[in-house]
Amino acid sequence: MHPTEIESILRAALALDELIVQGENGHFHFQVTAVAPLFAGMNRVKKQQTIYAPLMDHIASNAIHALSIKAFTPEEWERHRKLNGF
């Protein structure tokens, strides 16, 4: 699976302001950073479940073996970027 495929699936399923999918084509380990107001009020686990849900068929088939997720509201993303010097 290619990172752009994961990006397409997530963009089609979720209203995301920003989405960064990293990983190498042919590898099964991917990193997702997602930013959206829909994450407001969610704990970390619920945010991850929201990202996992549209990808479950690909996870079940092992097209995606490992997925690292960072999900932020726009406000959390701004704080994260400032704290990390972006």
PDB file of N, CA and C in Angstrom:
ATOM      1  N   MET A   1       0.852  -1.175   0.000  1.00  0.00           N
ATOM      2  CA  MET A   1       0.000   0.000   0.000  1.00  0.00           C
ATOM      3  C   MET A   1       0.896   1.235   0.000  1.00  0.00           C
ATOM      4  N   HIS A   2       0.460   2.246  -0.691  1.00  0.00           N
ATOM      5  CA  HIS A   2       1.223   3.492  -0.807  1.00  0.00           C
ATOM      6  C   HIS A   2       0.599   4.546   0.115  1.00  0.00           C
ATOM      7  N   PRO A   3       1.411   5.429   0.694  1.00  0.00           N
ATOM      8  CA  PRO A   3       0.863   6.471   1.574  1.00  0.00           C
ATOM      9  C   PRO A   3      -0.264   7.288   0.933  1.00  0.00           C
ATOM     10  N   THR A   4      -0.189   7.513  -0.379  1.00  0.00           N
ATOM     11  CA  THR A   4      -1.249   8.293  -1.027  1.00  0.00           C
ATOM     12  C   THR A   4      -2.589   7.547  -1.013  1.00  0.00           C
ATOM     13  N   GLU A   5      -2.553   6.219  -1.003  1.00  0.00           N
ATOM     14  CA  GLU A   5      -3.786   5.444  -0.906  1.00  0.00           C
ATOM     15  C   GLU A   5      -4.434   5.628   0.465  1.00  0.00           C
ATOM     16  N   ILE A   6      -3.603   5.605   1.503  1.00  0.00           N
ATOM     17  CA  ILE A   6      -4.103   5.825   2.861  1.00  0.00           C
ATOM     18  C   ILE A   6      -4.679   7.231   2.965  1.00  0.00           C
ATOM     19  N   GLU A   7      -3.971   8.199   2.401  1.00  0.00           N
ATOM     20  CA  GLU A   7      -4.453   9.581   2.420  1.00  0.00           C
ATOM     21  C   GLU A   7      -5.813   9.690   1.734  1.00  0.00           C
ATOM     22  N   SER A   8      -5.971   9.065   0.589  1.00  0.00           N
ATOM     23  CA  SER A   8      -7.240   9.113  -0.145  1.00  0.00           C
ATOM     24  C   SER A   8      -8.386   8.512   0.670  1.00  0.00           C
ATOM     25  N   ILE A   9      -8.131   7.387   1.302  1.00  0.00           N
ATOM     26  CA  ILE A   9      -9.157   6.723   2.114  1.00  0.00           C
ATOM     27  C   ILE A   9      -9.583   7.620   3.271  1.00  0.00           C
ATOM     28  N   LEU A  10      -8.601   8.186   3.971  1.00  0.00           N
ATOM     29  CA  LEU A  10      -8.922   9.022   5.129  1.00  0.00           C
ATOM     30  C   LEU A  10      -9.618  10.315   4.722  1.00  0.00           C
ATOM     31  N   ARG A  11      -9.175  10.930   3.638  1.00  0.00           N
ATOM     32  CA  ARG A  11      -9.820  12.181   3.182  1.00  0.00           C
ATOM     33  C   ARG A  11     -11.260  11.926   2.731  1.00  0.00           C
ATOM     34  N   ALA A  12     -11.516  10.767   2.132  1.00  0.00           N
ATOM     35  CA  ALA A  12     -12.870  10.437   1.690  1.00  0.00           C
ATOM     36  C   ALA A  12     -13.800  10.168   2.883  1.00  0.00           C
ATOM     37  N   ALA A  13     -13.246   9.629   3.960  1.00  0.00           N
ATOM     38  CA  ALA A  13     -14.063   9.208   5.096  1.00  0.00           C
ATOM     39  C   ALA A  13     -14.228  10.279   6.171  1.00  0.00           C
ATOM     40  N   LEU A  14     -13.234  11.162   6.298  1.00  0.00           N
ATOM     41  CA  LEU A  14     -13.216  12.114   7.406  1.00  0.00           C
ATOM     42  C   LEU A  14     -12.994  13.540   6.902  1.00  0.00           C
ATOM     43  N   ALA A  15     -13.602  14.497   7.592  1.00  0.00           N
ATOM     44  CA  ALA A  15     -13.400  15.915   7.259  1.00  0.00           C
ATOM     45  C   ALA A  15     -12.148  16.400   7.984  1.00  0.00           C
ATOM     46  N   LEU A  16     -11.009  16.350   7.289  1.00  0.00           N
ATOM     47  CA  LEU A  16      -9.726  16.687   7.891  1.00  0.00           C
ATOM     48  C   LEU A  16      -9.205  18.009   7.333  1.00  0.00           C
ATOM     49  N   ASP A  17      -8.696  18.858   8.227  1.00  0.00           N
ATOM     50  CA  ASP A  17      -8.082  20.117   7.799  1.00  0.00           C
ATOM     51  C   ASP A  17      -6.707  19.865   7.198  1.00  0.00           C
ATOM     52  N   GLU A  18      -5.947  19.034   7.876  1.00  0.00           N
ATOM     53  CA  GLU A  18      -4.605  18.681   7.410  1.00  0.00           C
ATOM     54  C   GLU A  18      -4.413  17.187   7.596  1.00  0.00           C
ATOM     55  N   LEU A  19      -3.625  16.600   6.702  1.00  0.00           N
ATOM     56  CA  LEU A  19      -3.321  15.173   6.789  1.00  0.00           C
ATOM     57  C   LEU A  19      -1.941  14.930   6.219  1.00  0.00           C
ATOM     58  N   ILE A  20      -1.112  14.278   7.008  1.00  0.00           N
ATOM     59  CA  ILE A  20       0.226  13.897   6.568  1.00  0.00           C
ATOM     60  C   ILE A  20       0.340  12.390   6.771  1.00  0.00           C
ATOM     61  N   VAL A  21       0.625  11.669   5.701  1.00  0.00           N
ATOM     62  CA  VAL A  21       0.822  10.224   5.779  1.00  0.00           C
ATOM     63  C   VAL A  21       2.230   9.934   5.307  1.00  0.00           C
ATOM     64  N   GLN A  22       2.993   9.286   6.170  1.00  0.00           N
ATOM     65  CA  GLN A  22       4.370   8.946   5.832  1.00  0.00           C
ATOM     66  C   GLN A  22       4.551   7.442   5.904  1.00  0.00           C
ATOM     67  N   GLY A  23       5.436   6.956   5.070  1.00  0.00           N
ATOM     68  CA  GLY A  23       5.743   5.538   4.989  1.00  0.00           C
ATOM     69  C   GLY A  23       6.264   5.283   3.597  1.00  0.00           C
ATOM     70  N   GLU A  24       6.896   4.149   3.415  1.00  0.00           N
ATOM     71  CA  GLU A  24       7.475   3.850   2.118  1.00  0.00           C
ATOM     72  C   GLU A  24       6.621   2.841   1.378  1.00  0.00           C
ATOM     73  N   ASN A  25       6.485   3.062   0.095  1.00  0.00           N
ATOM     74  CA  ASN A  25       5.745   2.133  -0.745  1.00  0.00           C
ATOM     75  C   ASN A  25       6.362   0.744  -0.613  1.00  0.00           C
ATOM     76  N   GLY A  26       5.538  -0.247  -0.423  1.00  0.00           N
ATOM     77  CA  GLY A  26       6.031  -1.615  -0.265  1.00  0.00           C
ATOM     78  C   GLY A  26       6.257  -1.998   1.186  1.00  0.00           C
ATOM     79  N   HIS A  27       6.315  -1.022   2.072  1.00  0.00           N
ATOM     80  CA  HIS A  27       6.448  -1.314   3.496  1.00  0.00           C
ATOM     81  C   HIS A  27       5.065  -1.251   4.116  1.00  0.00           C
ATOM     82  N   PHE A  28       4.932  -1.788   5.289  1.00  0.00           N
ATOM     83  CA  PHE A  28       3.621  -1.903   5.895  1.00  0.00           C
ATOM     84  C   PHE A  28       3.478  -1.044   7.146  1.00  0.00           C
ATOM     85  N   HIS A  29       4.450  -0.157   7.389  1.00  0.00           N
ATOM     86  CA  HIS A  29       4.454   0.700   8.572  1.00  0.00           C
ATOM     87  C   HIS A  29       4.240   2.141   8.118  1.00  0.00           C
ATOM     88  N   PHE A  30       3.230   2.799   8.689  1.00  0.00           N
ATOM     89  CA  PHE A  30       2.884   4.148   8.276  1.00  0.00           C
ATOM     90  C   PHE A  30       2.672   5.043   9.487  1.00  0.00           C
ATOM     91  N   GLN A  31       2.921   6.327   9.287  1.00  0.00           N
ATOM     92  CA  GLN A  31       2.681   7.335  10.309  1.00  0.00           C
ATOM     93  C   GLN A  31       1.637   8.307   9.755  1.00  0.00           C
ATOM     94  N   VAL A  32       0.608   8.557  10.554  1.00  0.00           N
ATOM     95  CA  VAL A  32      -0.464   9.466  10.157  1.00  0.00           C
ATOM     96  C   VAL A  32      -0.525  10.612  11.161  1.00  0.00           C
ATOM     97  N   THR A  33      -0.517  11.830  10.642  1.00  0.00           N
ATOM     98  CA  THR A  33      -0.800  13.010  11.447  1.00  0.00           C
ATOM     99  C   THR A  33      -2.041  13.644  10.854  1.00  0.00           C
ATOM    100  N   ALA A  34      -3.077  13.778  11.670  1.00  0.00           N
ATOM    101  CA  ALA A  34      -4.357  14.306  11.196  1.00  0.00           C
ATOM    102  C   ALA A  34      -4.792  15.466  12.082  1.00  0.00           C
ATOM    103  N   VAL A  35      -5.338  16.486  11.427  1.00  0.00           N
ATOM    104  CA  VAL A  35      -5.811  17.667  12.141  1.00  0.00           C
ATOM    105  C   VAL A  35      -7.247  17.947  11.697  1.00  0.00           C
ATOM    106  N   ALA A  36      -8.154  18.062  12.688  1.00  0.00           N
ATOM    107  CA  ALA A  36      -9.553  18.345  12.361  1.00  0.00           C
ATOM    108  C   ALA A  36     -10.320  18.759  13.611  1.00  0.00           C
ATOM    109  N   PRO A  37     -11.306  19.631  13.438  1.00  0.00           N
ATOM    110  CA  PRO A  37     -12.159  19.997  14.566  1.00  0.00           C
ATOM    111  C   PRO A  37     -12.927  18.800  15.125  1.00  0.00           C
ATOM    112  N   LEU A  38     -13.144  17.773  14.321  1.00  0.00           N
ATOM    113  CA  LEU A  38     -13.923  16.615  14.790  1.00  0.00           C
ATOM    114  C   LEU A  38     -13.266  15.897  15.961  1.00  0.00           C
ATOM    115  N   PHE A  39     -11.977  16.146  16.210  1.00  0.00           N
ATOM    116  CA  PHE A  39     -11.282  15.503  17.330  1.00  0.00           C
ATOM    117  C   PHE A  39     -11.527  16.206  18.668  1.00  0.00           C
ATOM    118  N   ALA A  40     -12.212  17.352  18.646  1.00  0.00           N
ATOM    119  CA  ALA A  40     -12.472  18.101  19.884  1.00  0.00           C
ATOM    120  C   ALA A  40     -13.247  17.245  20.872  1.00  0.00           C
ATOM    121  N   GLY A  41     -12.794  17.213  22.094  1.00  0.00           N
ATOM    122  CA  GLY A  41     -13.462  16.461  23.152  1.00  0.00           C
ATOM    123  C   GLY A  41     -13.146  14.979  23.178  1.00  0.00           C
ATOM    124  N   MET A  42     -12.368  14.502  22.203  1.00  0.00           N
ATOM    125  CA  MET A  42     -12.007  13.084  22.173  1.00  0.00           C
ATOM    126  C   MET A  42     -10.709  12.857  22.946  1.00  0.00           C
ATOM    127  N   ASN A  43     -10.645  11.720  23.644  1.00  0.00           N
ATOM    128  CA  ASN A  43      -9.366  11.350  24.248  1.00  0.00           C
ATOM    129  C   ASN A  43      -8.479  10.718  23.162  1.00  0.00           C
ATOM    130  N   ARG A  44      -7.249  10.418  23.514  1.00  0.00           N
ATOM    131  CA  ARG A  44      -6.287   9.889  22.545  1.00  0.00           C
ATOM    132  C   ARG A  44      -6.782   8.592  21.892  1.00  0.00           C
ATOM    133  N   VAL A  45      -7.355   7.716  22.683  1.00  0.00           N
ATOM    134  CA  VAL A  45      -7.836   6.430  22.159  1.00  0.00           C
ATOM    135  C   VAL A  45      -8.972   6.640  21.160  1.00  0.00           C
ATOM    136  N   LYS A  46      -9.917   7.502  21.480  1.00  0.00           N
ATOM    137  CA  LYS A  46     -11.044   7.760  20.584  1.00  0.00           C
ATOM    138  C   LYS A  46     -10.555   8.394  19.270  1.00  0.00           C
ATOM    139  N   LYS A  47      -9.561   9.280  19.362  1.00  0.00           N
ATOM    140  CA  LYS A  47      -8.984   9.878  18.155  1.00  0.00           C
ATOM    141  C   LYS A  47      -8.380   8.785  17.271  1.00  0.00           C
ATOM    142  N   GLN A  48      -7.632   7.874  17.888  1.00  0.00           N
ATOM    143  CA  GLN A  48      -7.009   6.797  17.126  1.00  0.00           C
ATOM    144  C   GLN A  48      -8.067   5.879  16.508  1.00  0.00           C
ATOM    145  N   GLN A  49      -9.119   5.579  17.251  1.00  0.00           N
ATOM    146  CA  GLN A  49     -10.192   4.737  16.722  1.00  0.00           C
ATOM    147  C   GLN A  49     -10.853   5.389  15.513  1.00  0.00           C
ATOM    148  N   THR A  50     -10.976   6.714  15.540  1.00  0.00           N
ATOM    149  CA  THR A  50     -11.585   7.456  14.430  1.00  0.00           C
ATOM    150  C   THR A  50     -10.745   7.317  13.170  1.00  0.00           C
ATOM    151  N   ILE A  51      -9.428   7.335  13.318  1.00  0.00           N
ATOM    152  CA  ILE A  51      -8.526   7.172  12.170  1.00  0.00           C
ATOM    153  C   ILE A  51      -8.488   5.711  11.717  1.00  0.00           C
ATOM    154  N   TYR A  52      -8.467   4.782  12.666  1.00  0.00           N
ATOM    155  CA  TYR A  52      -8.421   3.354  12.317  1.00  0.00           C
ATOM    156  C   TYR A  52      -9.652   2.891  11.549  1.00  0.00           C
ATOM    157  N   ALA A  53     -10.823   3.398  11.905  1.00  0.00           N
ATOM    158  CA  ALA A  53     -12.084   2.864  11.371  1.00  0.00           C
ATOM    159  C   ALA A  53     -12.120   2.755   9.845  1.00  0.00           C
ATOM    160  N   PRO A  54     -11.792   3.827   9.088  1.00  0.00           N
ATOM    161  CA  PRO A  54     -11.868   3.693   7.625  1.00  0.00           C
ATOM    162  C   PRO A  54     -10.784   2.784   7.041  1.00  0.00           C
ATOM    163  N   LEU A  55      -9.785   2.444   7.841  1.00  0.00           N
ATOM    164  CA  LEU A  55      -8.650   1.653   7.354  1.00  0.00           C
ATOM    165  C   LEU A  55      -8.719   0.187   7.786  1.00  0.00           C
ATOM    166  N   MET A  56      -9.764  -0.197   8.511  1.00  0.00           N
ATOM    167  CA  MET A  56      -9.816  -1.532   9.119  1.00  0.00           C
ATOM    168  C   MET A  56      -9.678  -2.678   8.116  1.00  0.00           C
ATOM    169  N   ASP A  57     -10.281  -2.565   6.941  1.00  0.00           N
ATOM    170  CA  ASP A  57     -10.152  -3.645   5.956  1.00  0.00           C
ATOM    171  C   ASP A  57      -8.702  -3.834   5.539  1.00  0.00           C
ATOM    172  N   HIS A  58      -7.964  -2.736   5.418  1.00  0.00           N
ATOM    173  CA  HIS A  58      -6.558  -2.801   5.000  1.00  0.00           C
ATOM    174  C   HIS A  58      -5.660  -3.293   6.138  1.00  0.00           C
ATOM    175  N   ILE A  59      -6.050  -2.989   7.353  1.00  0.00           N
ATOM    176  CA  ILE A  59      -5.311  -3.502   8.514  1.00  0.00           C
ATOM    177  C   ILE A  59      -5.566  -5.005   8.642  1.00  0.00           C
ATOM    178  N   ALA A  60      -6.813  -5.417   8.477  1.00  0.00           N
ATOM    179  CA  ALA A  60      -7.175  -6.838   8.577  1.00  0.00           C
ATOM    180  C   ALA A  60      -6.483  -7.680   7.510  1.00  0.00           C
ATOM    181  N   SER A  61      -6.283  -7.104   6.328  1.00  0.00           N
ATOM    182  CA  SER A  61      -5.632  -7.842   5.239  1.00  0.00           C
ATOM    183  C   SER A  61      -4.106  -7.753   5.308  1.00  0.00           C
ATOM    184  N   ASN A  62      -3.588  -7.042   6.307  1.00  0.00           N
ATOM    185  CA  ASN A  62      -2.148  -6.814   6.492  1.00  0.00           C
ATOM    186  C   ASN A  62      -1.531  -5.928   5.412  1.00  0.00           C
ATOM    187  N   ALA A  63      -2.343  -5.222   4.627  1.00  0.00           N
ATOM    188  CA  ALA A  63      -1.798  -4.218   3.714  1.00  0.00           C
ATOM    189  C   ALA A  63      -1.178  -3.087   4.532  1.00  0.00           C
ATOM    190  N   ILE A  64      -1.750  -2.876   5.718  1.00  0.00           N
ATOM    191  CA  ILE A  64      -1.176  -1.964   6.710  1.00  0.00           C
ATOM    192  C   ILE A  64      -0.884  -2.825   7.926  1.00  0.00           C
ATOM    193  N   HIS A  65       0.379  -2.943   8.270  1.00  0.00           N
ATOM    194  CA  HIS A  65       0.759  -3.778   9.405  1.00  0.00           C
ATOM    195  C   HIS A  65       0.825  -2.957  10.688  1.00  0.00           C
ATOM    196  N   ALA A  66       1.405  -1.768  10.600  1.00  0.00           N
ATOM    197  CA  ALA A  66       1.542  -0.909  11.772  1.00  0.00           C
ATOM    198  C   ALA A  66       1.201   0.519  11.377  1.00  0.00           C
ATOM    199  N   LEU A  67       0.488   1.191  12.268  1.00  0.00           N
ATOM    200  CA  LEU A  67       0.042   2.549  12.003  1.00  0.00           C
ATOM    201  C   LEU A  67       0.263   3.383  13.253  1.00  0.00           C
ATOM    202  N   SER A  68       1.094   4.394  13.129  1.00  0.00           N
ATOM    203  CA  SER A  68       1.329   5.335  14.216  1.00  0.00           C
ATOM    204  C   SER A  68       0.457   6.555  13.941  1.00  0.00           C
ATOM    205  N   ILE A  69      -0.345   6.953  14.933  1.00  0.00           N
ATOM    206  CA  ILE A  69      -1.311   8.028  14.717  1.00  0.00           C
ATOM    207  C   ILE A  69      -1.084   9.163  15.698  1.00  0.00           C
ATOM    208  N   LYS A  70      -1.070  10.366  15.148  1.00  0.00           N
ATOM    209  CA  LYS A  70      -1.119  11.589  15.939  1.00  0.00           C
ATOM    210  C   LYS A  70      -2.300  12.385  15.409  1.00  0.00           C
ATOM    211  N   ALA A  71      -3.287  12.625  16.269  1.00  0.00           N
ATOM    212  CA  ALA A  71      -4.485  13.346  15.854  1.00  0.00           C
ATOM    213  C   ALA A  71      -4.659  14.574  16.739  1.00  0.00           C
ATOM    214  N   PHE A  72      -4.914  15.703  16.117  1.00  0.00           N
ATOM    215  CA  PHE A  72      -4.995  16.975  16.817  1.00  0.00           C
ATOM    216  C   PHE A  72      -6.224  17.763  16.386  1.00  0.00           C
ATOM    217  N   THR A  73      -6.749  18.573  17.304  1.00  0.00           N
ATOM    218  CA  THR A  73      -7.670  19.622  16.887  1.00  0.00           C
ATOM    219  C   THR A  73      -6.791  20.723  16.289  1.00  0.00           C
ATOM    220  N   PRO A  74      -7.362  21.673  15.553  1.00  0.00           N
ATOM    221  CA  PRO A  74      -6.533  22.769  15.028  1.00  0.00           C
ATOM    222  C   PRO A  74      -5.778  23.516  16.130  1.00  0.00           C
ATOM    223  N   GLU A  75      -6.417  23.708  17.278  1.00  0.00           N
ATOM    224  CA  GLU A  75      -5.768  24.414  18.388  1.00  0.00           C
ATOM    225  C   GLU A  75      -4.609  23.593  18.955  1.00  0.00           C
ATOM    226  N   GLU A  76      -4.818  22.286  19.114  1.00  0.00           N
ATOM    227  CA  GLU A  76      -3.741  21.408  19.601  1.00  0.00           C
ATOM    228  C   GLU A  76      -2.582  21.385  18.611  1.00  0.00           C
ATOM    229  N   TRP A  77      -2.903  21.391  17.325  1.00  0.00           N
ATOM    230  CA  TRP A  77      -1.878  21.368  16.280  1.00  0.00           C
ATOM    231  C   TRP A  77      -1.026  22.628  16.336  1.00  0.00           C
ATOM    232  N   GLU A  78      -1.669  23.774  16.518  1.00  0.00           N
ATOM    233  CA  GLU A  78      -0.914  25.034  16.641  1.00  0.00           C
ATOM    234  C   GLU A  78       0.028  24.978  17.831  1.00  0.00           C
ATOM    235  N   ARG A  79      -0.454  24.523  18.988  1.00  0.00           N
ATOM    236  CA  ARG A  79       0.412  24.394  20.169  1.00  0.00           C
ATOM    237  C   ARG A  79       1.552  23.427  19.909  1.00  0.00           C
ATOM    238  N   HIS A  80       1.247  22.287  19.295  1.00  0.00           N
ATOM    239  CA  HIS A  80       2.261  21.275  18.999  1.00  0.00           C
ATOM    240  C   HIS A  80       3.345  21.857  18.084  1.00  0.00           C
ATOM    241  N   ARG A  81       2.926  22.566  17.054  1.00  0.00           N
ATOM    242  CA  ARG A  81       3.869  23.155  16.102  1.00  0.00           C
ATOM    243  C   ARG A  81       4.750  24.208  16.772  1.00  0.00           C
ATOM    244  N   LYS A  82       4.164  25.030  17.636  1.00  0.00           N
ATOM    245  CA  LYS A  82       4.948  26.060  18.333  1.00  0.00           C
ATOM    246  C   LYS A  82       5.953  25.427  19.296  1.00  0.00           C
ATOM    247  N   LEU A  83       5.501  24.409  20.032  1.00  0.00           N
ATOM    248  CA  LEU A  83       6.379  23.743  20.996  1.00  0.00           C
ATOM    249  C   LEU A  83       7.523  22.995  20.314  1.00  0.00           C
ATOM    250  N   ASN A  84       7.288  22.538  19.098  1.00  0.00           N
ATOM    251  CA  ASN A  84       8.303  21.772  18.378  1.00  0.00           C
ATOM    252  C   ASN A  84       9.039  22.569  17.313  1.00  0.00           C
ATOM    253  N   GLY A  85       8.828  23.872  17.313  1.00  0.00           N
ATOM    254  CA  GLY A  85       9.587  24.756  16.419  1.00  0.00           C
ATOM    255  C   GLY A  85       9.239  24.656  14.952  1.00  0.00           C
ATOM    256  N   PHE A  86       7.991  24.365  14.626  1.00  0.00           N
ATOM    257  CA  PHE A  86       7.577  24.299  13.218  1.00  0.00           C
ATOM    258  C   PHE A  86       7.198  25.676  12.736  1.00  0.00           C
TER     259      PHE A  86
END
